[in-house]
Amino acid sequence: MVLLMSLPPSYDNFVTSLESMSTKDVDLQFIVARLLHEMSKRKECESSETTALVNKTHKSNEKLCFYCKKPGHFVRNCLKNKNDEKEKANQACEDHEQMLLRH
């Protein structure tokens, strides 16, 4: 719950949807995975808003990843993005486990 309460107000709908779920279906790993997915979706939305600017500097048919800035793929297919998300999820789980061990 501390994790959810620390999110900015723009995540209120996300938090509400998680709070409405059955507690037996929701654990830390599930919350972290959903949060990372939500962040990824928001990044894609933000990057699609800047597509017009990118098209002016790149060929219109050239794919450009807004995460690693390399051509040839999009964020949803970016291996660096996927690896970073897994690393964040693992770190969050480790941090939570350490916090539980301290108490």
N, C-alpha and C. Protein backbone atom coordinates (compact mmCIF):
# COMPACT_ATOMS: atom_id res chain seq x y z
N MET A 1 0.81 -1.19 0.00
CA MET A 1 0.00 0.00 0.00
C MET A 1 0.85 1.26 0.00
N VAL A 2 2.02 1.21 0.65
CA VAL A 2 2.90 2.37 0.68
C VAL A 2 3.33 2.72 -0.73
N LEU A 3 3.61 1.70 -1.52
CA LEU A 3 4.00 1.93 -2.92
C LEU A 3 2.90 2.66 -3.67
N LEU A 4 1.67 2.22 -3.52
CA LEU A 4 0.56 2.85 -4.24
C LEU A 4 0.31 4.27 -3.75
N MET A 5 0.46 4.50 -2.46
CA MET A 5 0.20 5.83 -1.91
C MET A 5 1.30 6.82 -2.29
N SER A 6 2.45 6.33 -2.70
CA SER A 6 3.56 7.21 -3.06
C SER A 6 3.49 7.66 -4.53
N LEU A 7 2.53 7.14 -5.27
CA LEU A 7 2.40 7.51 -6.68
C LEU A 7 1.81 8.91 -6.82
N PRO A 8 2.15 9.61 -7.90
CA PRO A 8 1.58 10.95 -8.11
C PRO A 8 0.08 10.88 -8.40
N PRO A 9 -0.61 12.00 -8.27
CA PRO A 9 -2.06 12.03 -8.50
C PRO A 9 -2.50 11.53 -9.88
N SER A 10 -1.64 11.63 -10.86
CA SER A 10 -2.00 11.16 -12.20
C SER A 10 -2.25 9.64 -12.23
N TYR A 11 -1.84 8.93 -11.19
CA TYR A 11 -2.02 7.48 -11.11
C TYR A 11 -3.25 7.11 -10.26
N ASP A 12 -4.09 8.08 -9.89
CA ASP A 12 -5.24 7.81 -9.03
C ASP A 12 -6.16 6.75 -9.60
N ASN A 13 -6.46 6.81 -10.89
CA ASN A 13 -7.33 5.79 -11.50
C ASN A 13 -6.69 4.42 -11.46
N PHE A 14 -5.40 4.36 -11.67
CA PHE A 14 -4.66 3.10 -11.60
C PHE A 14 -4.76 2.51 -10.19
N VAL A 15 -4.53 3.34 -9.18
CA VAL A 15 -4.59 2.89 -7.79
C VAL A 15 -6.00 2.41 -7.44
N THR A 16 -7.00 3.16 -7.86
CA THR A 16 -8.39 2.79 -7.59
C THR A 16 -8.73 1.43 -8.20
N SER A 17 -8.26 1.20 -9.41
CA SER A 17 -8.56 -0.09 -10.04
C SER A 17 -7.89 -1.24 -9.30
N LEU A 18 -6.68 -1.03 -8.79
CA LEU A 18 -6.02 -2.09 -8.01
C LEU A 18 -6.71 -2.31 -6.67
N GLU A 19 -7.14 -1.22 -6.04
CA GLU A 19 -7.81 -1.34 -4.75
C GLU A 19 -9.16 -2.03 -4.85
N SER A 20 -9.77 -1.99 -6.02
CA SER A 20 -11.08 -2.62 -6.20
C SER A 20 -10.97 -4.13 -6.45
N MET A 21 -9.74 -4.62 -6.63
CA MET A 21 -9.55 -6.04 -6.88
C MET A 21 -9.56 -6.82 -5.58
N SER A 22 -9.85 -8.10 -5.68
CA SER A 22 -9.83 -8.98 -4.52
C SER A 22 -8.41 -9.07 -3.97
N THR A 23 -8.26 -9.01 -2.67
CA THR A 23 -6.92 -9.02 -2.07
C THR A 23 -6.20 -10.34 -2.28
N LYS A 24 -6.94 -11.41 -2.52
CA LYS A 24 -6.26 -12.70 -2.77
C LYS A 24 -5.61 -12.73 -4.15
N ASP A 25 -6.06 -11.86 -5.07
CA ASP A 25 -5.51 -11.81 -6.42
C ASP A 25 -4.34 -10.84 -6.55
N VAL A 26 -4.14 -10.00 -5.54
CA VAL A 26 -3.15 -8.93 -5.64
C VAL A 26 -2.02 -9.15 -4.63
N ASP A 27 -0.80 -9.27 -5.15
CA ASP A 27 0.38 -9.32 -4.30
C ASP A 27 1.40 -8.31 -4.83
N LEU A 28 2.51 -8.17 -4.15
CA LEU A 28 3.50 -7.16 -4.54
C LEU A 28 3.99 -7.37 -5.96
N GLN A 29 4.27 -8.60 -6.31
CA GLN A 29 4.79 -8.88 -7.65
C GLN A 29 3.76 -8.46 -8.72
N PHE A 30 2.48 -8.73 -8.47
CA PHE A 30 1.43 -8.34 -9.41
C PHE A 30 1.37 -6.82 -9.53
N ILE A 31 1.41 -6.12 -8.38
CA ILE A 31 1.34 -4.66 -8.39
C ILE A 31 2.52 -4.06 -9.15
N VAL A 32 3.71 -4.56 -8.90
CA VAL A 32 4.90 -4.05 -9.58
C VAL A 32 4.80 -4.28 -11.08
N ALA A 33 4.36 -5.46 -11.47
CA ALA A 33 4.22 -5.77 -12.90
C ALA A 33 3.20 -4.84 -13.56
N ARG A 34 2.06 -4.63 -12.91
CA ARG A 34 1.02 -3.75 -13.47
C ARG A 34 1.51 -2.30 -13.54
N LEU A 35 2.26 -1.89 -12.51
CA LEU A 35 2.78 -0.53 -12.49
C LEU A 35 3.79 -0.31 -13.61
N LEU A 36 4.67 -1.26 -13.82
CA LEU A 36 5.64 -1.15 -14.90
C LEU A 36 4.93 -1.12 -16.26
N HIS A 37 3.89 -1.92 -16.39
CA HIS A 37 3.12 -1.93 -17.64
C HIS A 37 2.45 -0.57 -17.85
N GLU A 38 1.87 -0.03 -16.78
CA GLU A 38 1.22 1.28 -16.87
C GLU A 38 2.22 2.37 -17.25
N MET A 39 3.40 2.32 -16.66
CA MET A 39 4.44 3.31 -16.98
C MET A 39 4.87 3.18 -18.43
N SER A 40 4.99 1.96 -18.91
CA SER A 40 5.37 1.73 -20.30
C SER A 40 4.31 2.29 -21.25
N LYS A 41 3.04 2.06 -20.93
CA LYS A 41 1.96 2.60 -21.76
C LYS A 41 2.01 4.13 -21.77
N ARG A 42 2.27 4.73 -20.63
CA ARG A 42 2.32 6.19 -20.55
C ARG A 42 3.50 6.74 -21.35
N LYS A 43 4.63 6.03 -21.32
CA LYS A 43 5.78 6.46 -22.12
C LYS A 43 5.45 6.42 -23.60
N GLU A 44 4.78 5.36 -24.03
CA GLU A 44 4.41 5.25 -25.44
C GLU A 44 3.45 6.36 -25.84
N CYS A 45 2.52 6.70 -24.97
CA CYS A 45 1.58 7.79 -25.27
C CYS A 45 2.33 9.12 -25.38
N GLU A 46 3.25 9.35 -24.45
CA GLU A 46 4.03 10.59 -24.50
C GLU A 46 4.86 10.66 -25.76
N SER A 47 5.46 9.53 -26.12
CA SER A 47 6.32 9.54 -27.30
C SER A 47 5.52 9.68 -28.59
N SER A 48 4.30 9.16 -28.61
CA SER A 48 3.49 9.31 -29.82
C SER A 48 3.06 10.75 -30.03
N GLU A 49 3.01 11.53 -28.95
CA GLU A 49 2.67 12.94 -29.06
C GLU A 49 3.79 13.73 -29.74
N THR A 50 5.01 13.23 -29.68
CA THR A 50 6.14 13.93 -30.28
C THR A 50 6.49 13.37 -31.65
N THR A 51 5.67 12.49 -32.18
CA THR A 51 5.95 11.87 -33.48
C THR A 51 6.11 12.91 -34.58
N ALA A 52 5.31 13.94 -34.56
CA ALA A 52 5.40 14.98 -35.58
C ALA A 52 6.78 15.63 -35.57
N LEU A 53 7.33 15.86 -34.40
CA LEU A 53 8.66 16.45 -34.31
C LEU A 53 9.73 15.50 -34.84
N VAL A 54 9.58 14.23 -34.53
CA VAL A 54 10.56 13.24 -34.98
C VAL A 54 10.50 13.08 -36.49
N ASN A 55 9.32 13.11 -37.05
CA ASN A 55 9.18 12.95 -38.50
C ASN A 55 9.88 14.06 -39.27
N LYS A 56 10.05 15.19 -38.67
CA LYS A 56 10.75 16.28 -39.34
C LYS A 56 12.25 16.03 -39.40
N THR A 57 12.77 15.26 -38.46
CA THR A 57 14.21 15.02 -38.43
C THR A 57 14.60 13.66 -38.99
N HIS A 58 13.64 12.73 -39.12
CA HIS A 58 13.92 11.39 -39.64
C HIS A 58 13.02 11.12 -40.84
N LYS A 59 13.42 10.16 -41.63
CA LYS A 59 12.57 9.74 -42.74
C LYS A 59 11.26 9.22 -42.17
N SER A 60 10.17 9.50 -42.83
CA SER A 60 8.85 9.13 -42.30
C SER A 60 8.65 7.63 -42.20
N ASN A 61 9.35 6.83 -42.99
CA ASN A 61 9.17 5.39 -42.93
C ASN A 61 10.20 4.70 -42.03
N GLU A 62 11.05 5.47 -41.38
CA GLU A 62 12.07 4.90 -40.51
C GLU A 62 11.54 4.78 -39.08
N LYS A 63 11.62 3.58 -38.52
CA LYS A 63 11.19 3.36 -37.14
C LYS A 63 12.23 3.94 -36.20
N LEU A 64 11.77 4.54 -35.10
CA LEU A 64 12.69 5.08 -34.11
C LEU A 64 12.17 4.75 -32.72
N CYS A 65 13.00 4.13 -31.91
CA CYS A 65 12.64 3.79 -30.54
C CYS A 65 12.80 5.03 -29.67
N PHE A 66 11.73 5.40 -28.97
CA PHE A 66 11.78 6.57 -28.10
C PHE A 66 12.43 6.26 -26.76
N TYR A 67 12.72 4.97 -26.49
CA TYR A 67 13.36 4.61 -25.23
C TYR A 67 14.88 4.66 -25.38
N CYS A 68 15.42 3.91 -26.33
CA CYS A 68 16.88 3.87 -26.50
C CYS A 68 17.37 4.80 -27.61
N LYS A 69 16.43 5.41 -28.33
CA LYS A 69 16.72 6.39 -29.40
C LYS A 69 17.41 5.76 -30.61
N LYS A 70 17.34 4.45 -30.74
CA LYS A 70 17.96 3.78 -31.89
C LYS A 70 16.90 3.50 -32.94
N PRO A 71 17.27 3.61 -34.22
CA PRO A 71 16.31 3.33 -35.28
C PRO A 71 16.11 1.82 -35.47
N GLY A 72 15.00 1.46 -36.10
CA GLY A 72 14.77 0.07 -36.46
C GLY A 72 13.70 -0.62 -35.64
N HIS A 73 13.24 -0.04 -34.55
CA HIS A 73 12.20 -0.66 -33.74
C HIS A 73 11.48 0.41 -32.92
N PHE A 74 10.37 0.01 -32.29
CA PHE A 74 9.60 0.90 -31.43
C PHE A 74 9.82 0.50 -29.97
N VAL A 75 9.33 1.32 -29.05
CA VAL A 75 9.50 1.07 -27.61
C VAL A 75 8.96 -0.30 -27.22
N ARG A 76 7.79 -0.66 -27.75
CA ARG A 76 7.18 -1.94 -27.35
C ARG A 76 8.05 -3.14 -27.72
N ASN A 77 8.97 -2.98 -28.67
CA ASN A 77 9.87 -4.07 -29.08
C ASN A 77 11.30 -3.87 -28.60
N CYS A 78 11.54 -2.86 -27.79
CA CYS A 78 12.90 -2.51 -27.37
C CYS A 78 13.40 -3.48 -26.29
N LEU A 79 14.48 -4.18 -26.60
CA LEU A 79 15.05 -5.12 -25.64
C LEU A 79 15.61 -4.40 -24.41
N LYS A 80 16.22 -3.24 -24.62
CA LYS A 80 16.76 -2.48 -23.50
C LYS A 80 15.63 -2.09 -22.54
N ASN A 81 14.50 -1.66 -23.08
CA ASN A 81 13.35 -1.27 -22.26
C ASN A 81 12.85 -2.48 -21.46
N LYS A 82 12.70 -3.61 -22.13
CA LYS A 82 12.20 -4.81 -21.46
C LYS A 82 13.16 -5.26 -20.37
N ASN A 83 14.46 -5.23 -20.64
CA ASN A 83 15.44 -5.62 -19.63
C ASN A 83 15.43 -4.66 -18.44
N ASP A 84 15.32 -3.37 -18.72
CA ASP A 84 15.27 -2.37 -17.65
C ASP A 84 14.03 -2.54 -16.78
N GLU A 85 12.89 -2.86 -17.41
CA GLU A 85 11.65 -3.07 -16.65
C GLU A 85 11.77 -4.29 -15.74
N LYS A 86 12.36 -5.37 -16.26
CA LYS A 86 12.55 -6.57 -15.44
C LYS A 86 13.46 -6.26 -14.26
N GLU A 87 14.51 -5.51 -14.52
CA GLU A 87 15.45 -5.14 -13.47
C GLU A 87 14.77 -4.30 -12.39
N LYS A 88 13.92 -3.35 -12.80
CA LYS A 88 13.18 -2.52 -11.85
C LYS A 88 12.24 -3.37 -11.00
N ALA A 89 11.56 -4.30 -11.63
CA ALA A 89 10.63 -5.17 -10.91
C ALA A 89 11.37 -6.03 -9.90
N ASN A 90 12.51 -6.59 -10.30
CA ASN A 90 13.31 -7.39 -9.39
C ASN A 90 13.82 -6.56 -8.23
N GLN A 91 14.25 -5.33 -8.50
CA GLN A 91 14.76 -4.45 -7.46
C GLN A 91 13.66 -4.09 -6.48
N ALA A 92 12.46 -3.83 -6.99
CA ALA A 92 11.33 -3.49 -6.13
C ALA A 92 11.00 -4.66 -5.21
N CYS A 93 11.03 -5.88 -5.75
CA CYS A 93 10.76 -7.06 -4.93
C CYS A 93 11.83 -7.24 -3.86
N GLU A 94 13.08 -7.05 -4.24
CA GLU A 94 14.18 -7.17 -3.28
C GLU A 94 14.07 -6.11 -2.19
N ASP A 95 13.73 -4.89 -2.57
CA ASP A 95 13.57 -3.81 -1.59
C ASP A 95 12.45 -4.15 -0.62
N HIS A 96 11.36 -4.68 -1.14
CA HIS A 96 10.22 -5.03 -0.29
C HIS A 96 10.61 -6.15 0.68
N GLU A 97 11.32 -7.16 0.18
CA GLU A 97 11.75 -8.26 1.03
C GLU A 97 12.68 -7.76 2.13
N GLN A 98 13.59 -6.86 1.79
CA GLN A 98 14.50 -6.30 2.81
C GLN A 98 13.73 -5.51 3.84
N MET A 99 12.71 -4.78 3.41
CA MET A 99 11.91 -4.01 4.34
C MET A 99 11.15 -4.94 5.29
N LEU A 100 10.64 -6.04 4.77
CA LEU A 100 9.93 -7.00 5.61
C LEU A 100 10.87 -7.66 6.62
N LEU A 101 12.09 -7.93 6.20
CA LEU A 101 13.06 -8.57 7.09
C LEU A 101 13.47 -7.64 8.24
N ARG A 102 13.46 -6.34 7.99
CA ARG A 102 13.84 -5.38 9.02
C ARG A 102 12.78 -5.28 10.12
N HIS A 103 11.54 -5.60 9.79
CA HIS A 103 10.45 -5.42 10.77
C HIS A 103 10.17 -6.67 11.50
